[in-house]
Amino acid sequence: MPTATPTVPAAPVPTRARPASPEVTVTDPALVKRAVKAAALGNAMEWFDFGVYSYIAVTLGKVFFPSGNPTAQLLSTFGAFAAAFLVRPLGGMVFGPLGDRIGRQKVLALTMIMMAAGTFAIGLIPSYATIGVGAPILLLAARLVQGFSTGGEYAGASTFIAEYAPDKKRGFFGSWLEFGTLAGYIGGAGLVTLMTALLSTEDLLSWGWRVPFLIAGPMGIIGLYLRMRLEETPAFAAEIEKSEADRPKVPLREMITGQWRALLLCVGLVLVFNVTDYMLLSYMPSYLTSELKYDETHGLLVVLGVMALMMIVQPFAGALTDRIGRRPVIAAGCVGFLALSVPALLLIRQGSLFAIALGMGALGLLLVCFTAAMPAALPALFPTRVRYGSLSIGFNISVSLFGGTTPLVVTALIGATGNMMMPAYYMMAAAVIGGVAVWFMTESAGRPLPGSAPAVEPARH
C-alpha cells in the first residue's frame, strides 16, 4: 500500500495520534496504516461473502430451493440475498449509536465476529434434499445475522479511516476501504471460478459450494486480531475528553431529525453508489449466465478482470479526489452512467468476449468514481458526535431499499417485461438521483471533518 514518506523523529515514535495544539491533531503514519488495514480486511471479508453468494447463486438455488424452474430458483436465491439487506437498517440503528457511545473500535470488533459467524454457518447448513424446508429457513437465518452485523460495518469502517487520516489525504486512505471490497470480491469470485472449472456439477452441488463459506472462519479471526490491536480514533477520543465523564447518550431521534439534510444527501449518494455496484459486481455474472446464456466460466473471468482493473485504478482515483475534490469525481461517475449505460449493455449483449469485456470495463471504470470518493465523502456529511450513528442509518436505509435489492428487482423486471435492457435503465435512474445529491453536497476534500480539529501529517525534518 503506498504511504506517506515516514519522518525520523527525535523522540520515540508515539503510539497514537496526538494533539500538536488545542486546535490541531498530528496523525501517526504507522497508526493510520494499521487502521486502514484493519478496516479494509473487514470490508474484504464482507464482500468475499457477497461475491461468493452472487457468483454461486445458480448452484445455491439448486441446493436450497426445490423447483424445476431455474428462474424461480434464482429469484429465491436472490430473495434470500435481499432479505439480509432488510435487517441492515436495524443493525445500523443498534451498532451506529453504540459506536458513537462506546467507541468505533469496540463495535467494529463485534461486527467482525458476527459477520464471520454468519458466513461460516452457511457452509454448515444441510441441503433441501437432506432436511427439507429447514434448509432455506436456516439459510435465511444466517443471512439475517450477516445483514444485521453488516449494518454497522461499512459506516464504522469508513468513519474509522476518515477519523484517523490526515485531512489532505483522506480520499487516498479512504479508497483502500473499497480496495478491500474489490479484493474480497476477487477472492470470492476467483475461488468460485476455480471450483467451477475444476469440479464436476455433482461435486459442486454436493460439497464444493460449502468451501468458500467455511473460509470465513479463519478470515474472521485474523480480522478480529487486527481490530483488537487498534486504539480509538483521535476524533472520538477528543470528543470523549470534552465531557468530564463518559459522553452523554445521543438520542436516536437527534441522529435522524437533527441531521435530516445530511441524511437525504447520504441516501442519494449511497443509492447511485450501491445500485451501480451491485448491478456490476453481483448481478452481472448471473445476467450473463441466466439471461444471455453465456458460458459461466468465461463470464466470471471477464468480471474478475474488470475488478482487477478497478483495484489498480482505485488508489490513484482516491488521491485524485484529494487534489480536485470529491464532488467533481462523483459527478463524473453520474454523468458517465447516464450517458454510457445503454451503449455498455448493448456491447455486453453483443456476446463476444471482447465486446463483453469492453462494456463491463467501461462500467467498472465509472464505478471507480464512486468507490474512490465515497469512503471519504460520506463520513464528512456528519459531525463527530453522531457520525457513526447517522451514517449507519442513512447508508443502510439506502442500501436496503435500493442497493441490495438490485439483483432481485432487475431479475423481476426482465421477467415481467421481457426487456433485456432493464439493467441499463435502472442504472440511469440511479445516476439522475445521485447527480441531484452531488449538486447539493458541500465539498469536503482537504478540510477537517465536521466537529473535529484539523488533522495534519507530522512535519518533515
Protein backbone atom coordinates (compact mmCIF):
# COMPACT_ATOMS: atom_id res chain seq x y z
CA MET A 1 0.00 0.00 0.00
CA PRO A 2 1.50 3.41 -0.92
CA THR A 3 2.11 5.54 2.15
CA ALA A 4 3.44 8.94 3.03
CA THR A 5 7.22 9.20 3.48
CA PRO A 6 7.92 8.48 7.15
CA THR A 7 9.66 11.07 9.28
CA VAL A 8 12.59 10.45 11.64
CA PRO A 9 11.52 11.86 14.99
CA ALA A 10 13.97 13.00 17.63
CA ALA A 11 11.89 11.31 20.29
CA PRO A 12 10.38 7.78 20.20
CA VAL A 13 7.55 7.35 17.74
CA PRO A 14 4.22 7.90 19.52
CA THR A 15 1.77 5.04 19.73
CA ARG A 16 -1.22 7.18 18.81
CA ALA A 17 -2.15 10.40 17.10
CA ARG A 18 -1.51 13.38 19.36
CA PRO A 19 -2.63 16.98 19.52
CA ALA A 20 0.05 19.44 18.32
CA SER A 21 -2.03 22.26 19.79
CA PRO A 22 -5.55 22.50 21.14
CA GLU A 23 -6.76 23.08 17.57
CA VAL A 24 -4.68 20.62 15.53
CA THR A 25 -4.21 16.83 15.55
CA VAL A 26 -0.96 15.39 14.19
CA THR A 27 -1.53 11.93 12.75
CA ASP A 28 0.79 8.98 13.30
CA PRO A 29 1.55 7.46 9.84
CA ALA A 30 2.14 3.96 11.25
CA LEU A 31 -1.14 4.02 13.14
CA VAL A 32 -3.03 5.31 10.11
CA LYS A 33 -1.73 2.38 8.03
CA ARG A 34 -2.76 -0.12 10.71
CA ALA A 35 -6.22 1.41 10.90
CA VAL A 36 -6.63 1.22 7.12
CA LYS A 37 -5.54 -2.42 7.01
CA ALA A 38 -7.87 -3.47 9.84
CA ALA A 39 -10.87 -1.67 8.36
CA ALA A 40 -10.19 -2.85 4.81
CA LEU A 41 -9.83 -6.50 5.85
CA GLY A 42 -13.24 -6.46 7.49
CA ASN A 43 -14.75 -4.99 4.36
CA ALA A 44 -12.91 -7.59 2.28
CA MET A 45 -14.44 -10.41 4.34
CA GLU A 46 -17.92 -8.93 4.00
CA TRP A 47 -17.61 -8.70 0.24
CA PHE A 48 -15.87 -12.04 -0.06
CA ASP A 49 -19.16 -13.49 1.17
CA PHE A 50 -21.26 -11.31 -1.15
CA GLY A 51 -19.03 -12.24 -4.08
CA VAL A 52 -19.30 -15.95 -3.32
CA TYR A 53 -23.06 -15.77 -2.81
CA SER A 54 -23.63 -13.86 -6.03
CA TYR A 55 -21.29 -15.89 -8.20
CA ILE A 56 -22.55 -19.24 -6.98
CA ALA A 57 -26.22 -18.17 -6.91
CA VAL A 58 -27.31 -20.67 -9.56
CA THR A 59 -25.81 -23.56 -7.56
CA LEU A 60 -27.29 -22.31 -4.27
CA GLY A 61 -30.71 -22.17 -5.92
CA LYS A 62 -30.48 -25.87 -6.73
CA VAL A 63 -29.20 -26.77 -3.24
CA PHE A 64 -31.73 -24.84 -1.15
CA PHE A 65 -34.83 -24.26 -3.29
CA PRO A 66 -36.77 -27.12 -4.92
CA SER A 67 -38.10 -26.14 -8.33
CA GLY A 68 -37.79 -27.28 -11.89
CA ASN A 69 -37.77 -23.62 -12.98
CA PRO A 70 -34.23 -22.13 -13.00
CA THR A 71 -35.61 -18.57 -12.96
CA ALA A 72 -37.69 -19.34 -9.85
CA GLN A 73 -34.64 -20.84 -8.14
CA LEU A 74 -32.54 -17.78 -8.99
CA LEU A 75 -35.28 -15.45 -7.74
CA SER A 76 -35.49 -17.42 -4.48
CA THR A 77 -31.72 -17.24 -4.01
CA PHE A 78 -31.61 -13.51 -4.67
CA GLY A 79 -34.63 -13.16 -2.39
CA ALA A 80 -32.57 -14.59 0.49
CA PHE A 81 -29.73 -12.30 -0.64
CA ALA A 82 -32.06 -9.28 -0.48
CA ALA A 83 -33.57 -10.33 2.88
CA ALA A 84 -30.24 -9.69 4.58
CA PHE A 85 -30.48 -6.08 3.45
CA LEU A 86 -33.88 -5.62 5.06
CA VAL A 87 -32.36 -6.00 8.53
CA ARG A 88 -29.36 -3.80 7.80
CA PRO A 89 -31.14 -0.63 8.98
CA LEU A 90 -31.87 -2.40 12.27
CA GLY A 91 -28.19 -3.26 12.59
CA GLY A 92 -27.30 0.32 11.75
CA MET A 93 -29.69 1.66 14.40
CA VAL A 94 -28.08 -0.61 17.00
CA PHE A 95 -24.38 -0.54 16.11
CA GLY A 96 -24.19 3.05 14.84
CA PRO A 97 -25.36 4.82 18.03
CA LEU A 98 -23.37 2.26 20.05
CA GLY A 99 -20.24 3.25 18.10
CA ASP A 100 -20.86 6.89 18.98
CA ARG A 101 -21.37 5.90 22.62
CA ILE A 102 -18.68 3.32 23.50
CA GLY A 103 -16.27 3.74 20.60
CA ARG A 104 -15.66 2.75 17.00
CA GLN A 105 -13.05 0.07 17.71
CA LYS A 106 -15.18 -2.00 20.09
CA VAL A 107 -18.19 -2.06 17.77
CA LEU A 108 -16.11 -2.93 14.71
CA ALA A 109 -14.65 -5.90 16.61
CA LEU A 110 -18.18 -7.08 17.42
CA THR A 111 -19.43 -6.75 13.83
CA MET A 112 -16.39 -8.73 12.64
CA ILE A 113 -17.26 -11.63 14.95
CA MET A 114 -20.91 -11.70 13.84
CA MET A 115 -20.08 -11.45 10.14
CA ALA A 116 -17.62 -14.32 10.27
CA ALA A 117 -20.02 -16.49 12.29
CA GLY A 118 -22.94 -15.90 9.89
CA THR A 119 -20.89 -16.68 6.80
CA PHE A 120 -19.27 -19.76 8.37
CA ALA A 121 -22.71 -21.06 9.39
CA ILE A 122 -23.93 -21.07 5.78
CA GLY A 123 -21.22 -23.57 4.92
CA LEU A 124 -22.61 -25.98 7.56
CA ILE A 125 -26.30 -25.93 6.55
CA PRO A 126 -27.63 -29.24 5.15
CA SER A 127 -29.25 -29.14 1.72
CA TYR A 128 -33.01 -29.15 1.00
CA ALA A 129 -32.71 -32.78 -0.09
CA THR A 130 -31.44 -33.64 3.41
CA ILE A 131 -33.67 -31.68 5.81
CA GLY A 132 -36.37 -30.21 3.58
CA VAL A 133 -37.80 -26.78 4.28
CA GLY A 134 -35.42 -26.34 7.22
CA ALA A 135 -32.58 -25.71 4.77
CA PRO A 136 -33.85 -22.45 3.25
CA ILE A 137 -35.03 -21.33 6.71
CA LEU A 138 -31.53 -21.81 8.15
CA LEU A 139 -30.03 -20.07 5.11
CA LEU A 140 -32.31 -17.12 5.69
CA ALA A 141 -31.40 -17.02 9.39
CA ALA A 142 -27.67 -16.97 8.62
CA ARG A 143 -28.21 -14.22 6.04
CA LEU A 144 -30.12 -12.18 8.62
CA VAL A 145 -27.21 -12.45 11.08
CA GLN A 146 -24.87 -11.29 8.31
CA GLY A 147 -27.15 -8.42 7.37
CA PHE A 148 -27.60 -7.26 10.97
CA SER A 149 -23.85 -7.18 11.61
CA THR A 150 -23.12 -5.55 8.26
CA GLY A 151 -25.43 -2.72 9.30
CA GLY A 152 -22.60 -1.44 11.48
CA GLU A 153 -19.68 -2.43 9.28
CA TYR A 154 -19.27 -0.06 6.33
CA ALA A 155 -20.24 3.13 8.19
CA GLY A 156 -17.95 2.17 11.05
CA ALA A 157 -15.01 1.24 8.82
CA SER A 158 -15.27 4.40 6.71
CA THR A 159 -15.65 6.52 9.87
CA PHE A 160 -12.64 4.78 11.41
CA ILE A 161 -10.38 5.52 8.45
CA ALA A 162 -11.71 9.06 7.95
CA GLU A 163 -11.08 9.96 11.59
CA TYR A 164 -7.53 8.58 11.52
CA ALA A 165 -6.45 10.03 8.16
CA PRO A 166 -4.91 13.49 7.67
CA ASP A 167 -7.27 15.96 6.01
CA LYS A 168 -5.24 16.28 2.81
CA LYS A 169 -5.03 12.50 2.24
CA ARG A 170 -8.44 11.32 3.46
CA GLY A 171 -9.54 10.40 -0.07
CA PHE A 172 -6.40 8.35 -0.70
CA PHE A 173 -6.57 6.41 2.56
CA GLY A 174 -10.35 6.01 2.31
CA SER A 175 -10.01 4.49 -1.15
CA TRP A 176 -8.27 1.48 0.38
CA LEU A 177 -11.55 0.53 2.08
CA GLU A 178 -13.08 -0.14 -1.34
CA PHE A 179 -9.79 -1.73 -2.42
CA GLY A 180 -10.62 -4.26 0.30
CA THR A 181 -14.11 -4.63 -1.16
CA LEU A 182 -12.69 -5.47 -4.58
CA ALA A 183 -10.06 -7.78 -3.09
CA GLY A 184 -12.81 -9.65 -1.25
CA TYR A 185 -14.90 -9.89 -4.38
CA ILE A 186 -11.97 -11.14 -6.43
CA GLY A 187 -11.11 -13.66 -3.72
CA GLY A 188 -14.69 -14.95 -3.55
CA ALA A 189 -15.36 -14.88 -7.27
CA GLY A 190 -11.94 -16.31 -8.10
CA LEU A 191 -12.46 -19.23 -5.75
CA VAL A 192 -15.91 -19.93 -7.23
CA THR A 193 -14.48 -19.71 -10.76
CA LEU A 194 -11.67 -22.10 -9.88
CA MET A 195 -14.05 -24.57 -8.28
CA THR A 196 -16.49 -24.33 -11.18
CA ALA A 197 -13.68 -25.13 -13.58
CA LEU A 198 -12.17 -27.98 -11.55
CA LEU A 199 -15.20 -29.70 -10.01
CA SER A 200 -17.96 -31.61 -11.69
CA THR A 201 -21.52 -30.30 -11.35
CA GLU A 202 -22.30 -33.14 -8.96
CA ASP A 203 -19.32 -32.37 -6.69
CA LEU A 204 -20.12 -28.67 -6.69
CA LEU A 205 -23.72 -29.40 -5.66
CA SER A 206 -22.84 -32.00 -3.02
CA TRP A 207 -19.95 -30.34 -1.16
CA GLY A 208 -17.96 -27.88 -3.27
CA TRP A 209 -20.25 -24.90 -2.66
CA ARG A 210 -19.56 -25.12 1.09
CA VAL A 211 -15.80 -24.45 0.86
CA PRO A 212 -15.90 -20.66 0.18
CA PHE A 213 -18.23 -20.06 3.14
CA LEU A 214 -16.13 -22.12 5.56
CA ILE A 215 -13.07 -19.99 4.75
CA ALA A 216 -14.78 -17.09 6.57
CA GLY A 217 -13.84 -18.59 9.95
CA PRO A 218 -10.05 -18.12 9.70
CA MET A 219 -10.52 -14.77 7.92
CA GLY A 220 -12.68 -13.52 10.78
CA ILE A 221 -10.08 -14.49 13.40
CA ILE A 222 -7.37 -12.57 11.54
CA GLY A 223 -9.59 -9.52 11.12
CA LEU A 224 -10.60 -9.58 14.79
CA TYR A 225 -6.93 -9.73 15.84
CA LEU A 226 -6.09 -6.67 13.73
CA ARG A 227 -9.03 -4.67 15.02
CA MET A 228 -8.41 -5.52 18.67
CA ARG A 229 -4.86 -4.12 18.39
CA LEU A 230 -6.12 -0.66 17.42
CA GLU A 231 -6.87 2.28 19.68
CA GLU A 232 -9.80 4.66 19.38
CA THR A 233 -9.68 7.33 16.68
CA PRO A 234 -8.26 10.75 17.65
CA ALA A 235 -11.56 12.44 16.78
CA PHE A 236 -13.59 10.15 19.05
CA ALA A 237 -11.01 10.42 21.85
CA ALA A 238 -11.19 14.22 21.64
CA GLU A 239 -14.98 14.07 21.74
CA ILE A 240 -14.83 11.98 24.92
CA GLU A 241 -12.42 14.46 26.51
CA LYS A 242 -14.93 17.27 26.04
CA SER A 243 -17.01 15.72 28.81
CA GLU A 244 -15.96 15.34 32.42
CA ALA A 245 -17.22 11.76 32.42
CA ASP A 246 -18.48 9.41 29.71
CA ARG A 247 -20.09 11.21 26.82
CA PRO A 248 -23.87 11.64 27.17
CA LYS A 249 -26.02 9.39 25.04
CA VAL A 250 -27.26 10.99 21.83
CA PRO A 251 -30.94 10.17 21.22
CA LEU A 252 -31.67 8.20 18.07
CA ARG A 253 -34.19 10.86 17.09
CA GLU A 254 -31.46 13.51 17.10
CA MET A 255 -29.34 11.36 14.79
CA ILE A 256 -32.22 11.41 12.28
CA THR A 257 -34.22 14.63 12.65
CA GLY A 258 -31.19 16.66 13.69
CA GLN A 259 -29.31 15.56 10.56
CA TRP A 260 -32.17 15.34 8.06
CA ARG A 261 -30.45 17.27 5.26
CA ALA A 262 -27.21 15.30 5.53
CA LEU A 263 -29.22 12.06 5.74
CA LEU A 264 -31.06 12.86 2.49
CA LEU A 265 -27.77 13.58 0.75
CA CYS A 266 -26.33 10.36 2.17
CA VAL A 267 -29.28 8.31 0.88
CA GLY A 268 -28.95 9.81 -2.61
CA LEU A 269 -25.20 9.29 -2.82
CA VAL A 270 -25.36 5.75 -1.45
CA LEU A 271 -28.21 4.93 -3.87
CA VAL A 272 -26.18 5.63 -7.02
CA PHE A 273 -23.08 4.09 -5.46
CA ASN A 274 -24.74 0.82 -4.48
CA VAL A 275 -27.18 0.32 -7.36
CA THR A 276 -24.30 0.51 -9.83
CA ASP A 277 -22.01 -1.51 -7.56
CA TYR A 278 -24.44 -4.39 -7.05
CA MET A 279 -25.51 -4.27 -10.68
CA LEU A 280 -21.98 -4.71 -11.96
CA LEU A 281 -20.41 -6.94 -9.31
CA SER A 282 -23.35 -9.00 -8.02
CA TYR A 283 -25.97 -9.16 -10.75
CA MET A 284 -23.97 -9.19 -14.00
CA PRO A 285 -22.45 -12.67 -13.53
CA SER A 286 -25.95 -14.16 -13.21
CA TYR A 287 -27.24 -11.92 -16.05
CA LEU A 288 -24.55 -13.27 -18.36
CA THR A 289 -25.36 -16.86 -17.43
CA SER A 290 -29.11 -16.99 -16.92
CA GLU A 291 -30.36 -14.26 -19.29
CA LEU A 292 -27.76 -14.23 -22.09
CA LYS A 293 -26.87 -17.95 -21.83
CA TYR A 294 -23.20 -17.02 -21.79
CA ASP A 295 -20.61 -19.57 -20.74
CA GLU A 296 -20.41 -19.36 -16.95
CA THR A 297 -16.62 -19.63 -16.54
CA HIS A 298 -15.82 -17.09 -19.27
CA GLY A 299 -18.35 -14.66 -17.82
CA LEU A 300 -16.81 -14.90 -14.36
CA LEU A 301 -13.31 -14.38 -15.75
CA VAL A 302 -14.40 -11.20 -17.51
CA VAL A 303 -15.85 -9.78 -14.29
CA LEU A 304 -12.70 -10.77 -12.38
CA GLY A 305 -10.64 -8.88 -14.95
CA VAL A 306 -12.82 -5.80 -14.55
CA MET A 307 -12.42 -5.89 -10.77
CA ALA A 308 -8.64 -6.27 -11.10
CA LEU A 309 -8.64 -3.18 -13.34
CA MET A 310 -10.68 -1.30 -10.74
CA MET A 311 -8.22 -2.29 -7.98
CA ILE A 312 -5.31 -0.87 -9.98
CA VAL A 313 -7.08 2.43 -10.58
CA GLN A 314 -8.65 2.74 -7.09
CA PRO A 315 -5.85 4.36 -5.03
CA PHE A 316 -4.94 6.76 -7.85
CA ALA A 317 -8.59 7.83 -8.11
CA GLY A 318 -8.71 8.27 -4.33
CA ALA A 319 -5.66 10.54 -4.46
CA LEU A 320 -7.33 12.45 -7.32
CA THR A 321 -10.29 13.26 -5.08
CA ASP A 322 -7.85 14.87 -2.63
CA ARG A 323 -6.50 17.11 -5.40
CA ILE A 324 -9.62 18.14 -7.33
CA GLY A 325 -12.37 17.30 -4.83
CA ARG A 326 -14.96 14.60 -4.19
CA ARG A 327 -17.81 16.41 -5.98
CA PRO A 328 -16.22 16.55 -9.48
CA VAL A 329 -15.27 12.85 -9.33
CA ILE A 330 -18.69 11.68 -8.14
CA ALA A 331 -20.41 13.95 -10.68
CA ALA A 332 -18.28 12.47 -13.48
CA GLY A 333 -19.46 9.00 -12.46
CA CYS A 334 -23.13 10.05 -12.51
CA VAL A 335 -22.82 11.67 -15.96
CA GLY A 336 -20.94 8.63 -17.24
CA PHE A 337 -23.60 6.15 -16.11
CA LEU A 338 -26.35 8.32 -17.54
CA ALA A 339 -24.65 8.52 -20.95
CA LEU A 340 -22.96 5.13 -21.25
CA SER A 341 -25.19 2.55 -19.50
CA VAL A 342 -27.17 1.75 -22.66
CA PRO A 343 -24.14 1.57 -25.02
CA ALA A 344 -22.23 -0.55 -22.48
CA LEU A 345 -25.12 -3.01 -22.06
CA LEU A 346 -25.57 -3.25 -25.83
CA LEU A 347 -21.91 -4.20 -26.08
CA ILE A 348 -22.37 -6.82 -23.35
CA ARG A 349 -25.43 -8.24 -25.11
CA GLN A 350 -23.49 -8.49 -28.36
CA GLY A 351 -22.00 -11.60 -26.79
CA SER A 352 -18.39 -11.75 -27.96
CA LEU A 353 -15.70 -11.90 -25.29
CA PHE A 354 -14.16 -8.61 -26.47
CA ALA A 355 -17.50 -6.77 -26.50
CA ILE A 356 -18.45 -8.03 -23.03
CA ALA A 357 -15.03 -7.06 -21.64
CA LEU A 358 -15.26 -3.60 -23.22
CA GLY A 359 -18.77 -2.93 -21.89
CA MET A 360 -18.01 -4.25 -18.42
CA GLY A 361 -14.68 -2.41 -18.32
CA ALA A 362 -16.37 0.90 -19.12
CA LEU A 363 -18.92 0.40 -16.32
CA GLY A 364 -16.15 -0.66 -13.94
CA LEU A 365 -14.10 2.49 -14.53
CA LEU A 366 -17.21 4.62 -13.99
CA LEU A 367 -17.90 2.76 -10.75
CA VAL A 368 -14.41 3.71 -9.52
CA CYS A 369 -15.61 7.32 -9.40
CA PHE A 370 -17.86 6.23 -6.53
CA THR A 371 -15.68 3.61 -4.83
CA ALA A 372 -12.76 6.07 -4.65
CA ALA A 373 -14.69 9.08 -3.36
CA MET A 374 -17.49 7.78 -1.14
CA PRO A 375 -15.45 6.41 1.83
CA ALA A 376 -14.14 9.95 2.43
CA ALA A 377 -17.22 11.90 1.28
CA LEU A 378 -19.88 10.11 3.35
CA PRO A 379 -18.31 10.46 6.86
CA ALA A 380 -17.75 14.17 6.13
CA LEU A 381 -21.51 14.71 5.95
CA PHE A 382 -21.92 14.33 9.73
CA PRO A 383 -20.34 15.79 12.91
CA THR A 384 -18.21 13.59 15.14
CA ARG A 385 -20.72 13.12 17.95
CA VAL A 386 -23.30 11.44 15.66
CA ARG A 387 -21.13 10.40 12.71
CA TYR A 388 -21.18 6.62 13.18
CA GLY A 389 -24.89 6.52 14.07
CA SER A 390 -26.26 8.91 11.44
CA LEU A 391 -24.07 7.47 8.68
CA SER A 392 -25.11 3.92 9.62
CA ILE A 393 -28.78 4.84 9.44
CA GLY A 394 -28.61 6.74 6.15
CA PHE A 395 -26.27 4.29 4.48
CA ASN A 396 -28.20 1.17 5.42
CA ILE A 397 -31.64 2.54 4.61
CA SER A 398 -30.41 3.39 1.12
CA VAL A 399 -28.59 0.09 0.62
CA SER A 400 -31.56 -1.91 1.89
CA LEU A 401 -34.16 -0.19 -0.28
CA PHE A 402 -32.14 0.24 -3.46
CA GLY A 403 -28.70 -1.41 -3.48
CA GLY A 404 -29.16 -4.91 -2.10
CA THR A 405 -32.50 -5.33 -3.84
CA THR A 406 -30.99 -4.53 -7.27
CA PRO A 407 -30.47 -8.16 -8.41
CA LEU A 408 -33.97 -9.18 -7.30
CA VAL A 409 -35.72 -6.12 -8.79
CA VAL A 410 -33.92 -6.24 -12.12
CA THR A 411 -34.47 -10.00 -12.48
CA ALA A 412 -38.18 -9.49 -11.77
CA LEU A 413 -38.41 -6.53 -14.21
CA ILE A 414 -36.86 -8.56 -17.00
CA GLY A 415 -39.21 -11.43 -16.26
CA ALA A 416 -42.26 -9.14 -16.26
CA THR A 417 -41.39 -7.05 -19.32
CA GLY A 418 -39.09 -9.26 -21.34
CA ASN A 419 -36.89 -6.15 -21.83
CA MET A 420 -33.24 -7.17 -21.56
CA MET A 421 -32.13 -3.51 -21.31
CA MET A 422 -33.62 -3.08 -17.82
CA PRO A 423 -30.19 -3.10 -16.10
CA ALA A 424 -29.15 -0.03 -18.13
CA TYR A 425 -32.36 1.87 -17.42
CA TYR A 426 -32.06 1.09 -13.71
CA MET A 427 -28.50 2.44 -13.56
CA MET A 428 -29.51 5.59 -15.47
CA ALA A 429 -32.31 6.32 -12.99
CA ALA A 430 -29.85 5.89 -10.11
CA ALA A 431 -27.40 8.26 -11.83
CA VAL A 432 -30.04 11.00 -12.00
CA ILE A 433 -30.74 10.73 -8.26
CA GLY A 434 -27.01 10.66 -7.48
CA GLY A 435 -26.47 13.74 -9.63
CA VAL A 436 -29.06 15.69 -7.64
CA ALA A 437 -27.33 14.72 -4.39
CA VAL A 438 -23.93 15.81 -5.73
CA TRP A 439 -25.39 19.18 -6.72
CA PHE A 440 -26.45 19.90 -3.13
CA MET A 441 -23.49 18.40 -1.24
CA THR A 442 -20.63 20.53 0.12
CA GLU A 443 -17.05 19.85 -0.95
CA SER A 444 -15.06 18.21 1.87
CA ALA A 445 -11.67 17.49 0.30
CA GLY A 446 -8.74 18.93 2.26
CA ARG A 447 -10.99 20.16 5.07
CA PRO A 448 -11.39 18.95 8.67
CA LEU A 449 -14.27 16.63 9.43
CA PRO A 450 -17.26 18.46 10.95
CA GLY A 451 -16.85 18.70 14.70
CA SER A 452 -13.20 17.62 14.60
CA ALA A 453 -9.93 19.50 14.77
CA PRO A 454 -7.78 19.76 11.62
CA ALA A 455 -5.70 16.59 11.13
CA VAL A 456 -2.22 17.05 9.64
CA GLU A 457 0.75 14.84 8.90
CA PRO A 458 3.93 15.16 11.02
CA ALA A 459 6.33 17.86 9.87
CA ARG A 460 9.18 16.53 7.75
CA HIS A 461 12.69 17.08 9.03
